[in-house]
Amino acid sequence: TEAPAIAYLKSLALVPNVEIRIVTLPTASTGF
C-alpha cells in the first residue's frame, strides 16, 4: 500500500473482472 505502487493497484482495481484484496495480519501477542 506504499506510494507509488498503491496508485497502480487502485487503477487495476477499476478494470472489469478484477478483484483486489489487501491482507493485514495481526501483530503477534509478544509484540511488534
Full PDB file with SEQRES, HELIX, SHEET, SSBOND, CRYST1, ORIGX, SCALE, CONECT and MASTER records, all heavy atoms in Angstrom:
SEQRES   1 A   32  THR GLU ALA PRO ALA ILE ALA TYR LEU LYS SER LEU ALA          
SEQRES   2 A   32  LEU VAL PRO ASN VAL GLU ILE ARG ILE VAL THR LEU PRO          
SEQRES   3 A   32  THR ALA SER THR GLY PHE                                      
HELIX    1 AA1 ALA A    5  ALA A   13  1                                   9    
CRYST1    1.000    1.000    1.000  90.00  90.00  90.00 P 1           1          
ORIGX1      1.000000  0.000000  0.000000        0.00000                         
ORIGX2      0.000000  1.000000  0.000000        0.00000                         
ORIGX3      0.000000  0.000000  1.000000        0.00000                         
SCALE1      1.000000  0.000000  0.000000        0.00000                         
SCALE2      0.000000  1.000000  0.000000        0.00000                         
SCALE3      0.000000  0.000000  1.000000        0.00000                         
ATOM      1  N   THR A   1       0.812  -1.224   0.000  1.00  0.00           N  
ATOM      2  CA  THR A   1       0.000   0.000   0.000  1.00  0.00           C  
ATOM      3  C   THR A   1       0.844   1.273   0.000  1.00  0.00           C  
ATOM      4  O   THR A   1       0.315   2.372   0.151  1.00  0.00           O  
ATOM      5  CB  THR A   1      -0.946   0.026   1.212  1.00  0.00           C  
ATOM      6  OG1 THR A   1      -0.185  -0.078   2.417  1.00  0.00           O  
ATOM      7  CG2 THR A   1      -1.942  -1.129   1.136  1.00  0.00           C  
ATOM      8  N   GLU A   2       2.148   1.137  -0.154  1.00  0.00           N  
ATOM      9  CA  GLU A   2       3.020   2.310  -0.232  1.00  0.00           C  
ATOM     10  C   GLU A   2       2.892   2.990  -1.596  1.00  0.00           C  
ATOM     11  O   GLU A   2       2.615   2.340  -2.606  1.00  0.00           O  
ATOM     12  CB  GLU A   2       4.480   1.913  -0.001  1.00  0.00           C  
ATOM     13  CG  GLU A   2       4.834   1.630   1.443  1.00  0.00           C  
ATOM     14  CD  GLU A   2       6.323   1.393   1.621  1.00  0.00           C  
ATOM     15  OE1 GLU A   2       6.847   0.446   1.016  1.00  0.00           O  
ATOM     16  OE2 GLU A   2       6.961   2.140   2.372  1.00  0.00           O  
ATOM     17  N   ALA A   3       3.127   4.281  -1.634  1.00  0.00           N  
ATOM     18  CA  ALA A   3       3.221   5.007  -2.900  1.00  0.00           C  
ATOM     19  C   ALA A   3       4.601   4.710  -3.512  1.00  0.00           C  
ATOM     20  O   ALA A   3       5.563   4.518  -2.791  1.00  0.00           O  
ATOM     21  CB  ALA A   3       3.066   6.504  -2.661  1.00  0.00           C  
ATOM     22  N   PRO A   4       4.677   4.638  -4.847  1.00  0.00           N  
ATOM     23  CA  PRO A   4       3.605   4.859  -5.814  1.00  0.00           C  
ATOM     24  C   PRO A   4       2.825   3.603  -6.192  1.00  0.00           C  
ATOM     25  O   PRO A   4       1.888   3.667  -6.975  1.00  0.00           O  
ATOM     26  CB  PRO A   4       4.367   5.397  -7.023  1.00  0.00           C  
ATOM     27  CG  PRO A   4       5.683   4.674  -6.961  1.00  0.00           C  
ATOM     28  CD  PRO A   4       6.012   4.534  -5.491  1.00  0.00           C  
ATOM     29  N   ALA A   5       3.202   2.435  -5.648  1.00  0.00           N  
ATOM     30  CA  ALA A   5       2.579   1.174  -6.063  1.00  0.00           C  
ATOM     31  C   ALA A   5       1.075   1.168  -5.844  1.00  0.00           C  
ATOM     32  O   ALA A   5       0.310   0.638  -6.665  1.00  0.00           O  
ATOM     33  CB  ALA A   5       3.229   0.007  -5.326  1.00  0.00           C  
ATOM     34  N   ILE A   6       0.606   1.765  -4.746  1.00  0.00           N  
ATOM     35  CA  ILE A   6      -0.817   1.731  -4.425  1.00  0.00           C  
ATOM     36  C   ILE A   6      -1.658   2.405  -5.505  1.00  0.00           C  
ATOM     37  O   ILE A   6      -2.793   1.983  -5.784  1.00  0.00           O  
ATOM     38  CB  ILE A   6      -1.088   2.373  -3.041  1.00  0.00           C  
ATOM     39  CG1 ILE A   6      -2.552   2.215  -2.637  1.00  0.00           C  
ATOM     40  CG2 ILE A   6      -0.644   3.826  -3.021  1.00  0.00           C  
ATOM     41  CD1 ILE A   6      -3.009   0.789  -2.480  1.00  0.00           C  
ATOM     42  N   ALA A   7      -1.110   3.424  -6.152  1.00  0.00           N  
ATOM     43  CA  ALA A   7      -1.861   4.104  -7.218  1.00  0.00           C  
ATOM     44  C   ALA A   7      -2.133   3.159  -8.385  1.00  0.00           C  
ATOM     45  O   ALA A   7      -3.228   3.185  -8.981  1.00  0.00           O  
ATOM     46  CB  ALA A   7      -1.093   5.329  -7.701  1.00  0.00           C  
ATOM     47  N   TYR A   8      -1.156   2.325  -8.702  1.00  0.00           N  
ATOM     48  CA  TYR A   8      -1.331   1.374  -9.798  1.00  0.00           C  
ATOM     49  C   TYR A   8      -2.284   0.250  -9.398  1.00  0.00           C  
ATOM     50  O   TYR A   8      -3.053  -0.246 -10.233  1.00  0.00           O  
ATOM     51  CB  TYR A   8       0.022   0.818 -10.220  1.00  0.00           C  
ATOM     52  CG  TYR A   8       0.886   1.839 -10.918  1.00  0.00           C  
ATOM     53  CD1 TYR A   8       1.825   2.580 -10.212  1.00  0.00           C  
ATOM     54  CD2 TYR A   8       0.743   2.087 -12.281  1.00  0.00           C  
ATOM     55  CE1 TYR A   8       2.613   3.529 -10.845  1.00  0.00           C  
ATOM     56  CE2 TYR A   8       1.528   3.035 -12.922  1.00  0.00           C  
ATOM     57  CZ  TYR A   8       2.461   3.751 -12.200  1.00  0.00           C  
ATOM     58  OH  TYR A   8       3.232   4.697 -12.829  1.00  0.00           O  
ATOM     59  N   LEU A   9      -2.258  -0.153  -8.137  1.00  0.00           N  
ATOM     60  CA  LEU A   9      -3.213  -1.154  -7.664  1.00  0.00           C  
ATOM     61  C   LEU A   9      -4.645  -0.626  -7.763  1.00  0.00           C  
ATOM     62  O   LEU A   9      -5.561  -1.341  -8.178  1.00  0.00           O  
ATOM     63  CB  LEU A   9      -2.906  -1.543  -6.219  1.00  0.00           C  
ATOM     64  CG  LEU A   9      -1.831  -2.598  -5.971  1.00  0.00           C  
ATOM     65  CD1 LEU A   9      -1.638  -2.800  -4.479  1.00  0.00           C  
ATOM     66  CD2 LEU A   9      -2.171  -3.930  -6.638  1.00  0.00           C  
ATOM     67  N   LYS A  10      -4.841   0.618  -7.364  1.00  0.00           N  
ATOM     68  CA  LYS A  10      -6.173   1.220  -7.453  1.00  0.00           C  
ATOM     69  C   LYS A  10      -6.628   1.297  -8.907  1.00  0.00           C  
ATOM     70  O   LYS A  10      -7.807   1.066  -9.219  1.00  0.00           O  
ATOM     71  CB  LYS A  10      -6.165   2.612  -6.821  1.00  0.00           C  
ATOM     72  CG  LYS A  10      -6.029   2.614  -5.302  1.00  0.00           C  
ATOM     73  CD  LYS A  10      -5.992   4.033  -4.750  1.00  0.00           C  
ATOM     74  CE  LYS A  10      -5.906   4.052  -3.241  1.00  0.00           C  
ATOM     75  NZ  LYS A  10      -5.863   5.434  -2.693  1.00  0.00           N  
ATOM     76  N   SER A  11      -5.717   1.625  -9.786  1.00  0.00           N  
ATOM     77  CA  SER A  11      -6.043   1.677 -11.213  1.00  0.00           C  
ATOM     78  C   SER A  11      -6.469   0.304 -11.720  1.00  0.00           C  
ATOM     79  O   SER A  11      -7.464   0.166 -12.438  1.00  0.00           O  
ATOM     80  CB  SER A  11      -4.835   2.183 -12.002  1.00  0.00           C  
ATOM     81  OG  SER A  11      -5.008   2.000 -13.397  1.00  0.00           O  
ATOM     82  N   LEU A  12      -5.723  -0.724 -11.325  1.00  0.00           N  
ATOM     83  CA  LEU A  12      -6.042  -2.087 -11.751  1.00  0.00           C  
ATOM     84  C   LEU A  12      -7.400  -2.531 -11.206  1.00  0.00           C  
ATOM     85  O   LEU A  12      -8.152  -3.240 -11.875  1.00  0.00           O  
ATOM     86  CB  LEU A  12      -4.945  -3.044 -11.293  1.00  0.00           C  
ATOM     87  CG  LEU A  12      -5.090  -4.514 -11.686  1.00  0.00           C  
ATOM     88  CD1 LEU A  12      -5.136  -4.675 -13.210  1.00  0.00           C  
ATOM     89  CD2 LEU A  12      -3.942  -5.338 -11.101  1.00  0.00           C  
ATOM     90  N   ALA A  13      -7.718  -2.091  -9.997  1.00  0.00           N  
ATOM     91  CA  ALA A  13      -8.988  -2.472  -9.370  1.00  0.00           C  
ATOM     92  C   ALA A  13     -10.200  -1.929 -10.123  1.00  0.00           C  
ATOM     93  O   ALA A  13     -11.315  -2.440  -9.960  1.00  0.00           O  
ATOM     94  CB  ALA A  13      -9.015  -1.987  -7.922  1.00  0.00           C  
ATOM     95  N   LEU A  14     -10.010  -0.893 -10.933  1.00  0.00           N  
ATOM     96  CA  LEU A  14     -11.100  -0.318 -11.714  1.00  0.00           C  
ATOM     97  C   LEU A  14     -11.400  -1.104 -12.978  1.00  0.00           C  
ATOM     98  O   LEU A  14     -12.425  -0.880 -13.627  1.00  0.00           O  
ATOM     99  CB  LEU A  14     -10.764   1.133 -12.084  1.00  0.00           C  
ATOM    100  CG  LEU A  14     -10.684   2.125 -10.916  1.00  0.00           C  
ATOM    101  CD1 LEU A  14     -10.152   3.465 -11.404  1.00  0.00           C  
ATOM    102  CD2 LEU A  14     -12.045   2.295 -10.262  1.00  0.00           C  
ATOM    103  N   VAL A  15     -10.509  -2.024 -13.333  1.00  0.00           N  
ATOM    104  CA  VAL A  15     -10.693  -2.817 -14.550  1.00  0.00           C  
ATOM    105  C   VAL A  15     -11.783  -3.863 -14.319  1.00  0.00           C  
ATOM    106  O   VAL A  15     -11.749  -4.577 -13.317  1.00  0.00           O  
ATOM    107  CB  VAL A  15      -9.373  -3.496 -14.955  1.00  0.00           C  
ATOM    108  CG1 VAL A  15      -9.575  -4.407 -16.170  1.00  0.00           C  
ATOM    109  CG2 VAL A  15      -8.293  -2.454 -15.239  1.00  0.00           C  
ATOM    110  N   PRO A  16     -12.757  -3.971 -15.211  1.00  0.00           N  
ATOM    111  CA  PRO A  16     -13.775  -5.020 -15.066  1.00  0.00           C  
ATOM    112  C   PRO A  16     -13.142  -6.406 -14.953  1.00  0.00           C  
ATOM    113  O   PRO A  16     -12.121  -6.689 -15.589  1.00  0.00           O  
ATOM    114  CB  PRO A  16     -14.597  -4.888 -16.361  1.00  0.00           C  
ATOM    115  CG  PRO A  16     -14.414  -3.470 -16.777  1.00  0.00           C  
ATOM    116  CD  PRO A  16     -13.011  -3.112 -16.392  1.00  0.00           C  
ATOM    117  N   ASN A  17     -13.729  -7.250 -14.139  1.00  0.00           N  
ATOM    118  CA  ASN A  17     -13.291  -8.630 -13.893  1.00  0.00           C  
ATOM    119  C   ASN A  17     -12.078  -8.734 -12.968  1.00  0.00           C  
ATOM    120  O   ASN A  17     -11.559  -9.836 -12.772  1.00  0.00           O  
ATOM    121  CB  ASN A  17     -12.994  -9.376 -15.206  1.00  0.00           C  
ATOM    122  CG  ASN A  17     -14.204  -9.476 -16.100  1.00  0.00           C  
ATOM    123  OD1 ASN A  17     -15.293  -9.829 -15.642  1.00  0.00           O  
ATOM    124  ND2 ASN A  17     -14.037  -9.130 -17.368  1.00  0.00           N  
ATOM    125  N   VAL A  18     -11.633  -7.629 -12.395  1.00  0.00           N  
ATOM    126  CA  VAL A  18     -10.502  -7.661 -11.461  1.00  0.00           C  
ATOM    127  C   VAL A  18     -10.988  -7.362 -10.049  1.00  0.00           C  
ATOM    128  O   VAL A  18     -11.669  -6.351  -9.823  1.00  0.00           O  
ATOM    129  CB  VAL A  18      -9.404  -6.646 -11.845  1.00  0.00           C  
ATOM    130  CG1 VAL A  18      -8.302  -6.619 -10.780  1.00  0.00           C  
ATOM    131  CG2 VAL A  18      -8.804  -6.996 -13.206  1.00  0.00           C  
ATOM    132  N   GLU A  19     -10.655  -8.241  -9.119  1.00  0.00           N  
ATOM    133  CA  GLU A  19     -10.881  -8.004  -7.693  1.00  0.00           C  
ATOM    134  C   GLU A  19      -9.528  -8.009  -6.992  1.00  0.00           C  
ATOM    135  O   GLU A  19      -8.694  -8.882  -7.252  1.00  0.00           O  
ATOM    136  CB  GLU A  19     -11.750  -9.094  -7.074  1.00  0.00           C  
ATOM    137  CG  GLU A  19     -13.191  -9.104  -7.482  1.00  0.00           C  
ATOM    138  CD  GLU A  19     -13.967 -10.180  -6.721  1.00  0.00           C  
ATOM    139  OE1 GLU A  19     -14.185 -10.015  -5.502  1.00  0.00           O  
ATOM    140  OE2 GLU A  19     -14.316 -11.197  -7.346  1.00  0.00           O  
ATOM    141  N   ILE A  20      -9.331  -7.058  -6.101  1.00  0.00           N  
ATOM    142  CA  ILE A  20      -8.075  -6.985  -5.349  1.00  0.00           C  
ATOM    143  C   ILE A  20      -8.393  -6.906  -3.862  1.00  0.00           C  
ATOM    144  O   ILE A  20      -9.240  -6.109  -3.441  1.00  0.00           O  
ATOM    145  CB  ILE A  20      -7.235  -5.761  -5.772  1.00  0.00           C  
ATOM    146  CG1 ILE A  20      -6.870  -5.844  -7.257  1.00  0.00           C  
ATOM    147  CG2 ILE A  20      -5.963  -5.673  -4.916  1.00  0.00           C  
ATOM    148  CD1 ILE A  20      -6.133  -4.630  -7.780  1.00  0.00           C  
ATOM    149  N   ARG A  21      -7.722  -7.728  -3.087  1.00  0.00           N  
ATOM    150  CA  ARG A  21      -7.857  -7.651  -1.634  1.00  0.00           C  
ATOM    151  C   ARG A  21      -6.473  -7.496  -1.005  1.00  0.00           C  
ATOM    152  O   ARG A  21      -5.489  -8.060  -1.486  1.00  0.00           O  
ATOM    153  CB  ARG A  21      -8.571  -8.885  -1.080  1.00  0.00           C  
ATOM    154  CG  ARG A  21     -10.018  -8.944  -1.530  1.00  0.00           C  
ATOM    155  CD  ARG A  21     -10.852  -9.984  -0.817  1.00  0.00           C  
ATOM    156  NE  ARG A  21     -12.203  -9.993  -1.360  1.00  0.00           N  
ATOM    157  CZ  ARG A  21     -13.185 -10.769  -0.930  1.00  0.00           C  
ATOM    158  NH1 ARG A  21     -12.963 -11.616   0.080  1.00  0.00           N  
ATOM    159  NH2 ARG A  21     -14.388 -10.709  -1.488  1.00  0.00           N  
ATOM    160  N   ILE A  22      -6.454  -6.702   0.051  1.00  0.00           N  
ATOM    161  CA  ILE A  22      -5.212  -6.416   0.781  1.00  0.00           C  
ATOM    162  C   ILE A  22      -5.261  -7.129   2.126  1.00  0.00           C  
ATOM    163  O   ILE A  22      -6.246  -7.015   2.862  1.00  0.00           O  
ATOM    164  CB  ILE A  22      -5.036  -4.901   0.964  1.00  0.00           C  
ATOM    165  CG1 ILE A  22      -4.903  -4.225  -0.413  1.00  0.00           C  
ATOM    166  CG2 ILE A  22      -3.816  -4.600   1.828  1.00  0.00           C  
ATOM    167  CD1 ILE A  22      -4.921  -2.725  -0.368  1.00  0.00           C  
ATOM    168  N   VAL A  23      -4.194  -7.850   2.430  1.00  0.00           N  
ATOM    169  CA  VAL A  23      -4.159  -8.694   3.625  1.00  0.00           C  
ATOM    170  C   VAL A  23      -3.279  -8.063   4.697  1.00  0.00           C  
ATOM    171  O   VAL A  23      -2.109  -7.745   4.444  1.00  0.00           O  
ATOM    172  CB  VAL A  23      -3.638 -10.106   3.287  1.00  0.00           C  
ATOM    173  CG1 VAL A  23      -3.612 -10.972   4.549  1.00  0.00           C  
ATOM    174  CG2 VAL A  23      -4.509 -10.743   2.212  1.00  0.00           C  
ATOM    175  N   THR A  24      -3.838  -7.923   5.878  1.00  0.00           N  
ATOM    176  CA  THR A  24      -3.112  -7.406   7.037  1.00  0.00           C  
ATOM    177  C   THR A  24      -3.197  -8.431   8.163  1.00  0.00           C  
ATOM    178  O   THR A  24      -4.293  -8.720   8.651  1.00  0.00           O  
ATOM    179  CB  THR A  24      -3.702  -6.071   7.519  1.00  0.00           C  
ATOM    180  OG1 THR A  24      -3.725  -5.134   6.433  1.00  0.00           O  
ATOM    181  CG2 THR A  24      -2.882  -5.501   8.671  1.00  0.00           C  
ATOM    182  N   LEU A  25      -2.072  -9.000   8.554  1.00  0.00           N  
ATOM    183  CA  LEU A  25      -2.051  -9.971   9.643  1.00  0.00           C  
ATOM    184  C   LEU A  25      -1.921  -9.251  10.979  1.00  0.00           C  
ATOM    185  O   LEU A  25      -1.276  -8.199  11.073  1.00  0.00           O  
ATOM    186  CB  LEU A  25      -0.895 -10.957   9.470  1.00  0.00           C  
ATOM    187  CG  LEU A  25      -0.935 -11.846   8.222  1.00  0.00           C  
ATOM    188  CD1 LEU A  25       0.226 -12.837   8.241  1.00  0.00           C  
ATOM    189  CD2 LEU A  25      -2.261 -12.579   8.091  1.00  0.00           C  
ATOM    190  N   PRO A  26      -2.497  -9.810  12.034  1.00  0.00           N  
ATOM    191  CA  PRO A  26      -2.440  -9.145  13.345  1.00  0.00           C  
ATOM    192  C   PRO A  26      -1.040  -9.191  13.950  1.00  0.00           C  
ATOM    193  O   PRO A  26      -0.258 -10.109  13.674  1.00  0.00           O  
ATOM    194  CB  PRO A  26      -3.426  -9.958  14.188  1.00  0.00           C  
ATOM    195  CG  PRO A  26      -3.446 -11.313  13.543  1.00  0.00           C  
ATOM    196  CD  PRO A  26      -3.278 -11.059  12.074  1.00  0.00           C  
ATOM    197  N   THR A  27      -0.738  -8.203  14.767  1.00  0.00           N  
ATOM    198  CA  THR A  27       0.539  -8.180  15.493  1.00  0.00           C  
ATOM    199  C   THR A  27       0.616  -9.383  16.426  1.00  0.00           C  
ATOM    200  O   THR A  27      -0.390  -9.800  17.001  1.00  0.00           O  
ATOM    201  CB  THR A  27       0.651  -6.882  16.314  1.00  0.00           C  
ATOM    202  OG1 THR A  27       0.534  -5.768  15.419  1.00  0.00           O  
ATOM    203  CG2 THR A  27       1.973  -6.804  17.063  1.00  0.00           C  
ATOM    204  N   ALA A  28       1.791  -9.938  16.579  1.00  0.00           N  
ATOM    205  CA  ALA A  28       1.980 -11.091  17.466  1.00  0.00           C  
ATOM    206  C   ALA A  28       1.714 -10.701  18.914  1.00  0.00           C  
ATOM    207  O   ALA A  28       1.891  -9.542  19.313  1.00  0.00           O  
ATOM    208  CB  ALA A  28       3.400 -11.632  17.329  1.00  0.00           C  
ATOM    209  N   SER A  29       1.296 -11.669  19.717  1.00  0.00           N  
ATOM    210  CA  SER A  29       0.999 -11.404  21.131  1.00  0.00           C  
ATOM    211  C   SER A  29       2.236 -10.973  21.898  1.00  0.00           C  
ATOM    212  O   SER A  29       2.142 -10.312  22.938  1.00  0.00           O  
ATOM    213  CB  SER A  29       0.396 -12.653  21.780  1.00  0.00           C  
ATOM    214  OG  SER A  29       1.308 -13.740  21.714  1.00  0.00           O  
ATOM    215  N   THR A  30       3.412 -11.334  21.372  1.00  0.00           N  
ATOM    216  CA  THR A  30       4.670 -10.944  22.024  1.00  0.00           C  
ATOM    217  C   THR A  30       5.075  -9.515  21.701  1.00  0.00           C  
ATOM    218  O   THR A  30       6.048  -9.001  22.249  1.00  0.00           O  
ATOM    219  CB  THR A  30       5.804 -11.888  21.590  1.00  0.00           C  
ATOM    220  OG1 THR A  30       5.858 -11.926  20.154  1.00  0.00           O  
ATOM    221  CG2 THR A  30       5.576 -13.293  22.129  1.00  0.00           C  
ATOM    222  N   GLY A  31       4.330  -8.874  20.784  1.00  0.00           N  
ATOM    223  CA  GLY A  31       4.652  -7.511  20.400  1.00  0.00           C  
ATOM    224  C   GLY A  31       5.065  -7.409  18.946  1.00  0.00           C  
ATOM    225  O   GLY A  31       5.122  -8.406  18.216  1.00  0.00           O  
ATOM    226  N   PHE A  32       5.365  -6.206  18.507  1.00  0.00           N  
ATOM    227  CA  PHE A  32       5.729  -5.960  17.114  1.00  0.00           C  
ATOM    228  C   PHE A  32       7.027  -6.678  16.752  1.00  0.00           C  
ATOM    229  O   PHE A  32       8.008  -6.618  17.492  1.00  0.00           O  
ATOM    230  CB  PHE A  32       5.882  -4.462  16.862  1.00  0.00           C  
ATOM    231  CG  PHE A  32       6.214  -4.126  15.433  1.00  0.00           C  
ATOM    232  CD1 PHE A  32       5.206  -4.014  14.490  1.00  0.00           C  
ATOM    233  CD2 PHE A  32       7.529  -3.932  15.031  1.00  0.00           C  
ATOM    234  CE1 PHE A  32       5.508  -3.714  13.170  1.00  0.00           C  
ATOM    235  CE2 PHE A  32       7.835  -3.630  13.716  1.00  0.00           C  
ATOM    236  CZ  PHE A  32       6.820  -3.524  12.779  1.00  0.00           C  
TER     237      PHE A  32                                                      
MASTER        0    0    0    1    0    0    0    6  236    1    0    3          
END                                                                             
